[in-house]
Amino acid sequence: QGYVVESGGGLVQSGGSLRLSCTASINEFYAYDLRWDRQAPGKERELVAGIKSDYKRYWADSVVGRFTIARDNTKNTVYLQIDNVKADDAAAYYCSAHLYTPPREFWGRGVWVTVST
């Protein structure tokens, strides 16, 4: 059993920066692959960025160069740094943790990012 909780969302000005955090209550957090997805109103949920247990990172093409994902296994936390925020970044952001052997996954309830232009 366990859970993940996102924080750090809110209102940000276009061009500004924001850092989202996701803290997990999970045993062996270090073994999980972590990812951030987002869902804007009226749109499908999409992967934004991920960081694997071996620290390999990947991003959606739309956020390359502006989003940074990092993890701190000592704090059971994954971060998403958003720079040069754009209007299209406005969405609910979801954190998740994934283990493949045995299969387990945890999803947060999401945190909203609102962009003012």
C-alpha atoms as a PDB file:
ATOM      1  CA  GLN A   1       0.000   0.000   0.000  1.00  0.00           C
ATOM      2  CA  GLY A   2       1.048   3.580  -0.425  1.00  0.00           C
ATOM      3  CA  TYR A   3       0.238   6.856  -2.043  1.00  0.00           C
ATOM      4  CA  VAL A   4       1.702   9.881  -3.790  1.00  0.00           C
ATOM      5  CA  VAL A   5       0.713  13.491  -3.255  1.00  0.00           C
ATOM      6  CA  GLU A   6       1.414  16.413  -5.555  1.00  0.00           C
ATOM      7  CA  SER A   7       1.989  19.987  -4.427  1.00  0.00           C
ATOM      8  CA  GLY A   8       3.219  23.283  -5.765  1.00  0.00           C
ATOM      9  CA  GLY A   9       0.517  24.093  -8.257  1.00  0.00           C
ATOM     10  CA  GLY A  10      -1.152  27.446  -8.560  1.00  0.00           C
ATOM     11  CA  LEU A  11      -1.281  30.557 -10.659  1.00  0.00           C
ATOM     12  CA  VAL A  12       1.792  31.471 -12.669  1.00  0.00           C
ATOM     13  CA  GLN A  13       2.360  34.242 -15.129  1.00  0.00           C
ATOM     14  CA  SER A  14       3.155  33.397 -18.724  1.00  0.00           C
ATOM     15  CA  GLY A  15       6.931  33.291 -19.049  1.00  0.00           C
ATOM     16  CA  GLY A  16       7.368  32.538 -15.380  1.00  0.00           C
ATOM     17  CA  SER A  17       8.510  29.419 -13.555  1.00  0.00           C
ATOM     18  CA  LEU A  18       6.947  26.908 -11.241  1.00  0.00           C
ATOM     19  CA  ARG A  19       8.114  23.807  -9.449  1.00  0.00           C
ATOM     20  CA  LEU A  20       5.820  20.920  -8.725  1.00  0.00           C
ATOM     21  CA  SER A  21       6.648  18.336  -6.108  1.00  0.00           C
ATOM     22  CA  CYS A  22       5.353  14.847  -5.567  1.00  0.00           C
ATOM     23  CA  THR A  23       6.066  13.066  -2.322  1.00  0.00           C
ATOM     24  CA  ALA A  24       5.461   9.372  -2.011  1.00  0.00           C
ATOM     25  CA  SER A  25       4.678   7.110   0.851  1.00  0.00           C
ATOM     26  CA  ILE A  26       5.980   3.975  -0.810  1.00  0.00           C
ATOM     27  CA  ASN A  27       8.385   1.306   0.274  1.00  0.00           C
ATOM     28  CA  GLU A  28      11.475   1.041  -1.912  1.00  0.00           C
ATOM     29  CA  PHE A  29      10.736   4.344  -3.640  1.00  0.00           C
ATOM     30  CA  TYR A  30      14.137   4.144  -5.350  1.00  0.00           C
ATOM     31  CA  ALA A  31      12.976   1.165  -7.419  1.00  0.00           C
ATOM     32  CA  TYR A  32      10.041   2.982  -8.997  1.00  0.00           C
ATOM     33  CA  ASP A  33       9.928   4.756 -12.315  1.00  0.00           C
ATOM     34  CA  LEU A  34       8.270   8.137 -11.869  1.00  0.00           C
ATOM     35  CA  ARG A  35       6.395  10.291 -14.288  1.00  0.00           C
ATOM     36  CA  TRP A  36       4.328  13.415 -14.647  1.00  0.00           C
ATOM     37  CA  ASP A  37       1.273  13.601 -16.878  1.00  0.00           C
ATOM     38  CA  ARG A  38      -1.100  16.476 -17.438  1.00  0.00           C
ATOM     39  CA  GLN A  39      -4.634  16.939 -18.597  1.00  0.00           C
ATOM     40  CA  ALA A  40      -6.062  20.203 -19.811  1.00  0.00           C
ATOM     41  CA  PRO A  41      -9.828  20.777 -19.857  1.00  0.00           C
ATOM     42  CA  GLY A  42     -11.394  19.040 -22.837  1.00  0.00           C
ATOM     43  CA  LYS A  43      -8.183  17.252 -23.743  1.00  0.00           C
ATOM     44  CA  GLU A  44      -6.776  13.792 -23.158  1.00  0.00           C
ATOM     45  CA  ARG A  45      -4.201  13.133 -20.495  1.00  0.00           C
ATOM     46  CA  GLU A  46      -0.673  13.253 -21.876  1.00  0.00           C
ATOM     47  CA  LEU A  47       2.741  12.265 -20.634  1.00  0.00           C
ATOM     48  CA  VAL A  48       4.924  15.242 -19.822  1.00  0.00           C
ATOM     49  CA  ALA A  49       8.136  13.800 -18.409  1.00  0.00           C
ATOM     50  CA  GLY A  50       9.492  10.738 -16.689  1.00  0.00           C
ATOM     51  CA  ILE A  51      12.519   9.619 -14.733  1.00  0.00           C
ATOM     52  CA  LYS A  52      13.350   5.987 -14.303  1.00  0.00           C
ATOM     53  CA  SER A  53      14.848   4.237 -11.315  1.00  0.00           C
ATOM     54  CA  ASP A  54      18.245   4.473 -13.026  1.00  0.00           C
ATOM     55  CA  TYR A  55      17.731   8.237 -13.417  1.00  0.00           C
ATOM     56  CA  LYS A  56      17.252   8.124 -17.186  1.00  0.00           C
ATOM     57  CA  ARG A  57      14.898  10.923 -18.190  1.00  0.00           C
ATOM     58  CA  TYR A  58      12.463  11.452 -21.018  1.00  0.00           C
ATOM     59  CA  TRP A  59      10.135  14.260 -22.048  1.00  0.00           C
ATOM     60  CA  ALA A  60       7.288  15.024 -24.378  1.00  0.00           C
ATOM     61  CA  ASP A  61       8.478  16.953 -27.425  1.00  0.00           C
ATOM     62  CA  SER A  62       6.275  19.883 -26.468  1.00  0.00           C
ATOM     63  CA  VAL A  63       8.169  20.548 -23.241  1.00  0.00           C
ATOM     64  CA  VAL A  64      11.779  19.812 -24.162  1.00  0.00           C
ATOM     65  CA  GLY A  65      14.025  22.609 -22.986  1.00  0.00           C
ATOM     66  CA  ARG A  66      11.431  24.053 -20.606  1.00  0.00           C
ATOM     67  CA  PHE A  67      10.597  21.210 -18.213  1.00  0.00           C
ATOM     68  CA  THR A  68      13.062  19.487 -15.935  1.00  0.00           C
ATOM     69  CA  ILE A  69      12.342  16.355 -13.952  1.00  0.00           C
ATOM     70  CA  ALA A  70      14.410  15.263 -10.990  1.00  0.00           C
ATOM     71  CA  ARG A  71      14.095  12.844  -8.120  1.00  0.00           C
ATOM     72  CA  ASP A  72      15.431  12.753  -4.585  1.00  0.00           C
ATOM     73  CA  ASN A  73      15.257   9.240  -3.246  1.00  0.00           C
ATOM     74  CA  THR A  74      16.297  10.413   0.225  1.00  0.00           C
ATOM     75  CA  LYS A  75      13.074  12.419   0.375  1.00  0.00           C
ATOM     76  CA  ASN A  76      10.848  10.059  -1.635  1.00  0.00           C
ATOM     77  CA  THR A  77      10.123  13.014  -3.888  1.00  0.00           C
ATOM     78  CA  VAL A  78      10.054  13.769  -7.596  1.00  0.00           C
ATOM     79  CA  TYR A  79      10.058  17.305  -8.931  1.00  0.00           C
ATOM     80  CA  LEU A  80       8.908  18.941 -12.116  1.00  0.00           C
ATOM     81  CA  GLN A  81      10.451  22.313 -12.844  1.00  0.00           C
ATOM     82  CA  ILE A  82       8.516  24.315 -15.406  1.00  0.00           C
ATOM     83  CA  ASP A  83      10.280  27.294 -16.954  1.00  0.00           C
ATOM     84  CA  ASN A  84       9.095  29.806 -19.535  1.00  0.00           C
ATOM     85  CA  VAL A  85       5.520  28.821 -18.802  1.00  0.00           C
ATOM     86  CA  LYS A  86       3.126  29.005 -21.721  1.00  0.00           C
ATOM     87  CA  ALA A  87      -0.641  29.241 -21.839  1.00  0.00           C
ATOM     88  CA  ASP A  88      -0.801  25.667 -23.145  1.00  0.00           C
ATOM     89  CA  ASP A  89       0.828  24.447 -19.924  1.00  0.00           C
ATOM     90  CA  ALA A  90      -2.350  25.168 -17.999  1.00  0.00           C
ATOM     91  CA  ALA A  91      -3.636  21.791 -16.846  1.00  0.00           C
ATOM     92  CA  ALA A  92      -3.994  19.402 -13.974  1.00  0.00           C
ATOM     93  CA  TYR A  93      -0.639  17.716 -13.391  1.00  0.00           C
ATOM     94  CA  TYR A  94      -0.521  14.159 -12.116  1.00  0.00           C
ATOM     95  CA  CYS A  95       2.370  12.315 -10.571  1.00  0.00           C
ATOM     96  CA  SER A  96       2.660   8.550 -10.687  1.00  0.00           C
ATOM     97  CA  ALA A  97       5.046   5.851  -9.568  1.00  0.00           C
ATOM     98  CA  HIS A  98       5.459   2.547 -11.385  1.00  0.00           C
ATOM     99  CA  LEU A  99       7.071  -0.719 -10.446  1.00  0.00           C
ATOM    100  CA  TYR A 100       7.144  -3.609 -12.886  1.00  0.00           C
ATOM    101  CA  THR A 101       8.264  -6.560 -10.785  1.00  0.00           C
ATOM    102  CA  PRO A 102       5.920  -7.066  -9.019  1.00  0.00           C
ATOM    103  CA  PRO A 103       3.550  -4.753 -10.896  1.00  0.00           C
ATOM    104  CA  ARG A 104       2.456  -1.797  -8.785  1.00  0.00           C
ATOM    105  CA  GLU A 105       1.526   1.759  -9.553  1.00  0.00           C
ATOM    106  CA  PHE A 106       0.366   4.762  -7.594  1.00  0.00           C
ATOM    107  CA  TRP A 107      -1.264   7.877  -8.954  1.00  0.00           C
ATOM    108  CA  GLY A 108      -1.789  11.191  -7.251  1.00  0.00           C
ATOM    109  CA  ARG A 109      -4.980  13.194  -7.399  1.00  0.00           C
ATOM    110  CA  GLY A 110      -3.392  15.974  -9.376  1.00  0.00           C
ATOM    111  CA  VAL A 111      -2.534  19.601  -8.864  1.00  0.00           C
ATOM    112  CA  TRP A 112      -3.699  22.491 -10.991  1.00  0.00           C
ATOM    113  CA  VAL A 113      -1.460  24.887 -12.847  1.00  0.00           C
ATOM    114  CA  THR A 114      -3.184  28.021 -14.089  1.00  0.00           C
ATOM    115  CA  VAL A 115      -1.430  30.428 -16.421  1.00  0.00           C
ATOM    116  CA  SER A 116      -2.141  34.138 -16.591  1.00  0.00           C
ATOM    117  CA  THR A 117      -1.314  35.943 -19.818  1.00  0.00           C
END
